[in-house]
Amino acid sequence: MSRQDSLAMGMYNTNNDDSTAMDDDVKRFDGGSYDSGIGLPSPPPGALAVDYGFPQHQQRGQVGQWIEVWDYVGGARFRGFVAGDGDDKAMFVFFDAEATVRDLKPGLMALIELCGLDDFECARLNVCLDRKAPAEDMRGFMKDLGWIGFEPITLAEWAEKPPIVSDAWVFLGMEV
């Protein structure tokens, strides 16, 4: 991958508080960052698209790539995948319930940039918001995302049959 002027490049973990008590499971590495012990492989071994609500035998819904982005500026982690092929590729990124109260601008900018890279070439960025987030926070967060181009979507173009609305996630998408 060639070097480019990017908001995502050159970001360091400045979210370290040396005064915080660290338990035995946490290891300090050179460079000032901490490993919190959650270094599980992403995706988990044996994970299939069907585990995330997508049909098993649908060509369009097959996961082609997995992605995990750590936003050290906003203090967020995004996990997701790229599905589809050709001009119909879309990046799906899952935001946890705490995402509604974090500064996601740097992370979203990085995700939009990643969609345009040759390695991904995604026409759409779809964010999946956890329905367990507080309703008041969710309303404001969805309004903010709407201002930058996200619109509510369903899984109709990715699912063979209903349900096309998830009980666990609210889907918002935008063309990039």
C-alpha atoms as a PDB file:
ATOM      1  CA  MET A   1       0.000   0.000   0.000  1.00  0.00           C
ATOM      2  CA  SER A   2       1.461   3.359  -0.973  1.00  0.00           C
ATOM      3  CA  ARG A   3       1.976   6.143   1.527  1.00  0.00           C
ATOM      4  CA  GLN A   4      -0.682   8.834   1.331  1.00  0.00           C
ATOM      5  CA  ASP A   5      -1.801  11.897   3.238  1.00  0.00           C
ATOM      6  CA  SER A   6      -4.340  10.362   5.598  1.00  0.00           C
ATOM      7  CA  LEU A   7      -6.026  11.222   8.858  1.00  0.00           C
ATOM      8  CA  ALA A   8      -5.547   7.596   9.900  1.00  0.00           C
ATOM      9  CA  MET A   9      -1.796   7.427   9.330  1.00  0.00           C
ATOM     10  CA  GLY A  10       0.587   8.464  12.079  1.00  0.00           C
ATOM     11  CA  MET A  11      -1.955   8.242  14.879  1.00  0.00           C
ATOM     12  CA  TYR A  12      -0.536   7.129  18.202  1.00  0.00           C
ATOM     13  CA  ASN A  13      -2.194   5.863  21.337  1.00  0.00           C
ATOM     14  CA  THR A  14      -2.301   8.930  23.576  1.00  0.00           C
ATOM     15  CA  ASN A  15      -5.068   7.419  25.632  1.00  0.00           C
ATOM     16  CA  ASN A  16      -2.706   6.076  28.296  1.00  0.00           C
ATOM     17  CA  ASP A  17      -3.025   7.055  31.931  1.00  0.00           C
ATOM     18  CA  ASP A  18       0.003   5.808  33.835  1.00  0.00           C
ATOM     19  CA  SER A  19      -1.733   6.520  37.132  1.00  0.00           C
ATOM     20  CA  THR A  20      -4.401   3.905  36.420  1.00  0.00           C
ATOM     21  CA  ALA A  21      -3.982   0.684  38.364  1.00  0.00           C
ATOM     22  CA  MET A  22      -3.305  -2.119  35.936  1.00  0.00           C
ATOM     23  CA  ASP A  23      -4.162  -5.697  36.772  1.00  0.00           C
ATOM     24  CA  ASP A  24      -2.009  -8.747  36.072  1.00  0.00           C
ATOM     25  CA  ASP A  25      -3.663  -9.398  32.708  1.00  0.00           C
ATOM     26  CA  VAL A  26      -2.442  -6.118  31.261  1.00  0.00           C
ATOM     27  CA  LYS A  27       1.001  -5.932  29.734  1.00  0.00           C
ATOM     28  CA  ARG A  28       2.919  -2.746  28.912  1.00  0.00           C
ATOM     29  CA  PHE A  29       4.604  -2.681  25.524  1.00  0.00           C
ATOM     30  CA  ASP A  30       7.277  -0.338  24.193  1.00  0.00           C
ATOM     31  CA  GLY A  31       5.806   2.742  22.607  1.00  0.00           C
ATOM     32  CA  GLY A  32       3.480   3.602  25.465  1.00  0.00           C
ATOM     33  CA  SER A  33       0.469   1.470  24.572  1.00  0.00           C
ATOM     34  CA  TYR A  34      -1.206  -1.196  26.659  1.00  0.00           C
ATOM     35  CA  ASP A  35      -2.552  -4.591  25.770  1.00  0.00           C
ATOM     36  CA  SER A  36      -5.740  -5.016  27.741  1.00  0.00           C
ATOM     37  CA  GLY A  37      -5.818  -8.752  27.221  1.00  0.00           C
ATOM     38  CA  ILE A  38      -8.573  -8.577  24.617  1.00  0.00           C
ATOM     39  CA  GLY A  39      -6.216  -9.429  21.795  1.00  0.00           C
ATOM     40  CA  LEU A  40      -8.516 -12.052  20.374  1.00  0.00           C
ATOM     41  CA  PRO A  41      -8.300 -12.741  16.671  1.00  0.00           C
ATOM     42  CA  SER A  42     -10.690 -10.721  14.570  1.00  0.00           C
ATOM     43  CA  PRO A  43     -12.801 -12.336  13.353  1.00  0.00           C
ATOM     44  CA  PRO A  44     -13.060 -15.148  15.867  1.00  0.00           C
ATOM     45  CA  PRO A  45     -11.928 -18.509  14.510  1.00  0.00           C
ATOM     46  CA  GLY A  46     -14.661 -20.183  12.507  1.00  0.00           C
ATOM     47  CA  ALA A  47     -16.850 -17.079  12.224  1.00  0.00           C
ATOM     48  CA  LEU A  48     -19.117 -17.094   9.211  1.00  0.00           C
ATOM     49  CA  ALA A  49     -21.269 -14.420   7.615  1.00  0.00           C
ATOM     50  CA  VAL A  50     -24.299 -16.444   8.726  1.00  0.00           C
ATOM     51  CA  ASP A  51     -23.217 -15.803  12.349  1.00  0.00           C
ATOM     52  CA  TYR A  52     -23.884 -12.118  11.720  1.00  0.00           C
ATOM     53  CA  GLY A  53     -27.357 -12.610  10.225  1.00  0.00           C
ATOM     54  CA  PHE A  54     -26.435 -13.024   6.574  1.00  0.00           C
ATOM     55  CA  PRO A  55     -27.583 -16.016   4.479  1.00  0.00           C
ATOM     56  CA  GLN A  56     -25.019 -18.758   4.101  1.00  0.00           C
ATOM     57  CA  HIS A  57     -25.427 -19.460   0.385  1.00  0.00           C
ATOM     58  CA  GLN A  58     -25.883 -15.979  -0.984  1.00  0.00           C
ATOM     59  CA  GLN A  59     -23.059 -14.836  -3.232  1.00  0.00           C
ATOM     60  CA  ARG A  60     -23.690 -11.168  -2.626  1.00  0.00           C
ATOM     61  CA  GLY A  61     -23.670 -11.440   1.145  1.00  0.00           C
ATOM     62  CA  GLN A  62     -20.434 -13.353   1.455  1.00  0.00           C
ATOM     63  CA  VAL A  63     -17.784 -11.705   3.573  1.00  0.00           C
ATOM     64  CA  GLY A  64     -14.675 -11.046   1.533  1.00  0.00           C
ATOM     65  CA  GLN A  65     -12.574  -9.175   4.090  1.00  0.00           C
ATOM     66  CA  TRP A  66     -12.619  -8.483   7.812  1.00  0.00           C
ATOM     67  CA  ILE A  67     -11.628  -5.148   9.307  1.00  0.00           C
ATOM     68  CA  GLU A  68     -10.749  -3.863  12.759  1.00  0.00           C
ATOM     69  CA  VAL A  69      -9.882  -0.209  13.339  1.00  0.00           C
ATOM     70  CA  TRP A  70      -8.684   1.309  16.591  1.00  0.00           C
ATOM     71  CA  ASP A  71      -9.401   5.041  16.880  1.00  0.00           C
ATOM     72  CA  TYR A  72      -6.984   6.245  19.534  1.00  0.00           C
ATOM     73  CA  VAL A  73      -8.162   9.853  19.204  1.00  0.00           C
ATOM     74  CA  GLY A  74     -11.822   9.146  19.942  1.00  0.00           C
ATOM     75  CA  GLY A  75     -11.177   6.069  22.069  1.00  0.00           C
ATOM     76  CA  ALA A  76     -13.292   3.750  19.933  1.00  0.00           C
ATOM     77  CA  ARG A  77     -12.826   0.399  18.225  1.00  0.00           C
ATOM     78  CA  PHE A  78     -14.661  -0.548  15.058  1.00  0.00           C
ATOM     79  CA  ARG A  79     -15.024  -4.115  13.842  1.00  0.00           C
ATOM     80  CA  GLY A  80     -16.644  -5.049  10.595  1.00  0.00           C
ATOM     81  CA  PHE A  81     -16.376  -6.688   7.231  1.00  0.00           C
ATOM     82  CA  VAL A  82     -16.548  -6.059   3.506  1.00  0.00           C
ATOM     83  CA  ALA A  83     -19.229  -7.919   1.586  1.00  0.00           C
ATOM     84  CA  GLY A  84     -20.200  -8.025  -2.056  1.00  0.00           C
ATOM     85  CA  ASP A  85     -18.198  -7.951  -5.237  1.00  0.00           C
ATOM     86  CA  GLY A  86     -17.285  -5.525  -7.989  1.00  0.00           C
ATOM     87  CA  ASP A  87     -19.084  -2.188  -7.791  1.00  0.00           C
ATOM     88  CA  ASP A  88     -21.498  -3.548  -5.168  1.00  0.00           C
ATOM     89  CA  LYS A  89     -18.984  -3.907  -2.325  1.00  0.00           C
ATOM     90  CA  ALA A  90     -19.989  -2.436   1.013  1.00  0.00           C
ATOM     91  CA  MET A  91     -18.145  -2.079   4.298  1.00  0.00           C
ATOM     92  CA  PHE A  92     -20.236  -2.923   7.373  1.00  0.00           C
ATOM     93  CA  VAL A  93     -18.882  -1.519  10.641  1.00  0.00           C
ATOM     94  CA  PHE A  94     -20.415  -2.277  14.039  1.00  0.00           C
ATOM     95  CA  PHE A  95     -20.632   0.466  16.690  1.00  0.00           C
ATOM     96  CA  ASP A  96     -21.217  -0.627  20.272  1.00  0.00           C
ATOM     97  CA  ALA A  97     -23.630   1.099  22.665  1.00  0.00           C
ATOM     98  CA  GLU A  98     -20.910   3.476  23.924  1.00  0.00           C
ATOM     99  CA  ALA A  99     -20.302   4.828  20.407  1.00  0.00           C
ATOM    100  CA  THR A 100     -23.181   7.270  20.815  1.00  0.00           C
ATOM    101  CA  VAL A 101     -21.203   9.259  23.401  1.00  0.00           C
ATOM    102  CA  ARG A 102     -17.732   9.168  21.825  1.00  0.00           C
ATOM    103  CA  ASP A 103     -16.008  11.528  19.410  1.00  0.00           C
ATOM    104  CA  LEU A 104     -16.257   9.460  16.236  1.00  0.00           C
ATOM    105  CA  LYS A 105     -15.238  12.090  13.685  1.00  0.00           C
ATOM    106  CA  PRO A 106     -11.594  10.916  13.295  1.00  0.00           C
ATOM    107  CA  GLY A 107     -12.681   7.268  13.167  1.00  0.00           C
ATOM    108  CA  LEU A 108     -15.444   7.893  10.630  1.00  0.00           C
ATOM    109  CA  MET A 109     -13.072   9.896   8.437  1.00  0.00           C
ATOM    110  CA  ALA A 110     -10.606   7.001   8.532  1.00  0.00           C
ATOM    111  CA  LEU A 111     -13.356   4.490   7.646  1.00  0.00           C
ATOM    112  CA  ILE A 112     -14.474   6.624   4.702  1.00  0.00           C
ATOM    113  CA  GLU A 113     -10.853   6.808   3.516  1.00  0.00           C
ATOM    114  CA  LEU A 114     -10.461   3.042   3.880  1.00  0.00           C
ATOM    115  CA  CYS A 115     -13.512   2.480   1.668  1.00  0.00           C
ATOM    116  CA  GLY A 116     -11.721   4.297  -1.147  1.00  0.00           C
ATOM    117  CA  LEU A 117      -8.454   2.347  -0.936  1.00  0.00           C
ATOM    118  CA  ASP A 118      -7.651  -0.137  -3.693  1.00  0.00           C
ATOM    119  CA  ASP A 119      -7.580  -2.928  -1.099  1.00  0.00           C
ATOM    120  CA  PHE A 120     -11.273  -2.384  -0.297  1.00  0.00           C
ATOM    121  CA  GLU A 121     -12.911  -0.358  -3.125  1.00  0.00           C
ATOM    122  CA  CYS A 122     -16.254  -0.101  -1.323  1.00  0.00           C
ATOM    123  CA  ALA A 123     -19.093   1.881  -2.870  1.00  0.00           C
ATOM    124  CA  ARG A 124     -20.955   2.083   0.459  1.00  0.00           C
ATOM    125  CA  LEU A 125     -20.159   2.433   4.131  1.00  0.00           C
ATOM    126  CA  ASN A 126     -22.830   0.920   6.376  1.00  0.00           C
ATOM    127  CA  VAL A 127     -22.681   1.517  10.105  1.00  0.00           C
ATOM    128  CA  CYS A 128     -24.500  -0.820  12.448  1.00  0.00           C
ATOM    129  CA  LEU A 129     -25.621   0.847  15.682  1.00  0.00           C
ATOM    130  CA  ASP A 130     -26.338  -1.204  18.779  1.00  0.00           C
ATOM    131  CA  ARG A 131     -30.040  -0.983  19.672  1.00  0.00           C
ATOM    132  CA  LYS A 132     -29.080  -1.341  23.360  1.00  0.00           C
ATOM    133  CA  ALA A 133     -27.758   2.244  23.379  1.00  0.00           C
ATOM    134  CA  PRO A 134     -29.839   4.743  25.380  1.00  0.00           C
ATOM    135  CA  ALA A 135     -32.703   6.057  23.224  1.00  0.00           C
ATOM    136  CA  GLU A 136     -31.928   9.743  23.830  1.00  0.00           C
ATOM    137  CA  ASP A 137     -28.265   9.274  22.878  1.00  0.00           C
ATOM    138  CA  MET A 138     -29.278   7.245  19.833  1.00  0.00           C
ATOM    139  CA  ARG A 139     -31.625   9.940  18.494  1.00  0.00           C
ATOM    140  CA  GLY A 140     -28.945  12.627  18.664  1.00  0.00           C
ATOM    141  CA  PHE A 141     -26.291  10.324  17.235  1.00  0.00           C
ATOM    142  CA  MET A 142     -28.456   9.280  14.286  1.00  0.00           C
ATOM    143  CA  LYS A 143     -29.276  12.922  13.581  1.00  0.00           C
ATOM    144  CA  ASP A 144     -25.551  13.782  13.565  1.00  0.00           C
ATOM    145  CA  LEU A 145     -24.813  10.891  11.196  1.00  0.00           C
ATOM    146  CA  GLY A 146     -27.645  12.088   8.957  1.00  0.00           C
ATOM    147  CA  TRP A 147     -25.951  15.466   8.588  1.00  0.00           C
ATOM    148  CA  ILE A 148     -22.904  13.813   7.008  1.00  0.00           C
ATOM    149  CA  GLY A 149     -24.872  11.666   4.580  1.00  0.00           C
ATOM    150  CA  PHE A 150     -25.938   8.501   6.401  1.00  0.00           C
ATOM    151  CA  GLU A 151     -29.491   7.279   5.787  1.00  0.00           C
ATOM    152  CA  PRO A 152     -31.474   4.431   7.364  1.00  0.00           C
ATOM    153  CA  ILE A 153     -31.193   1.209   5.355  1.00  0.00           C
ATOM    154  CA  THR A 154     -32.464  -2.348   5.598  1.00  0.00           C
ATOM    155  CA  LEU A 155     -30.774  -5.601   4.707  1.00  0.00           C
ATOM    156  CA  ALA A 156     -33.140  -6.114   1.757  1.00  0.00           C
ATOM    157  CA  GLU A 157     -30.374  -6.100  -0.842  1.00  0.00           C
ATOM    158  CA  TRP A 158     -28.229  -8.446   1.265  1.00  0.00           C
ATOM    159  CA  ALA A 159     -30.809 -10.920   2.560  1.00  0.00           C
ATOM    160  CA  GLU A 160     -32.674 -13.595   0.621  1.00  0.00           C
ATOM    161  CA  LYS A 161     -35.756 -13.449   2.829  1.00  0.00           C
ATOM    162  CA  PRO A 162     -37.124 -11.558   5.844  1.00  0.00           C
ATOM    163  CA  PRO A 163     -36.318 -10.371   8.383  1.00  0.00           C
ATOM    164  CA  ILE A 164     -34.561  -7.484   6.693  1.00  0.00           C
ATOM    165  CA  VAL A 165     -34.655  -5.408   9.876  1.00  0.00           C
ATOM    166  CA  SER A 166     -32.426  -6.513  12.732  1.00  0.00           C
ATOM    167  CA  ASP A 167     -33.562  -6.770  16.340  1.00  0.00           C
ATOM    168  CA  ALA A 168     -30.006  -6.048  17.506  1.00  0.00           C
ATOM    169  CA  TRP A 169     -28.764  -3.353  15.101  1.00  0.00           C
ATOM    170  CA  VAL A 170     -29.923  -0.151  13.426  1.00  0.00           C
ATOM    171  CA  PHE A 171     -28.366   0.130   9.965  1.00  0.00           C
ATOM    172  CA  LEU A 172     -27.349   3.450   8.417  1.00  0.00           C
ATOM    173  CA  GLY A 173     -25.562   3.672   5.086  1.00  0.00           C
ATOM    174  CA  MET A 174     -23.951   6.186   2.783  1.00  0.00           C
ATOM    175  CA  GLU A 175     -22.326   6.126  -0.628  1.00  0.00           C
ATOM    176  CA  VAL A 176     -18.626   6.938  -0.552  1.00  0.00           C
END
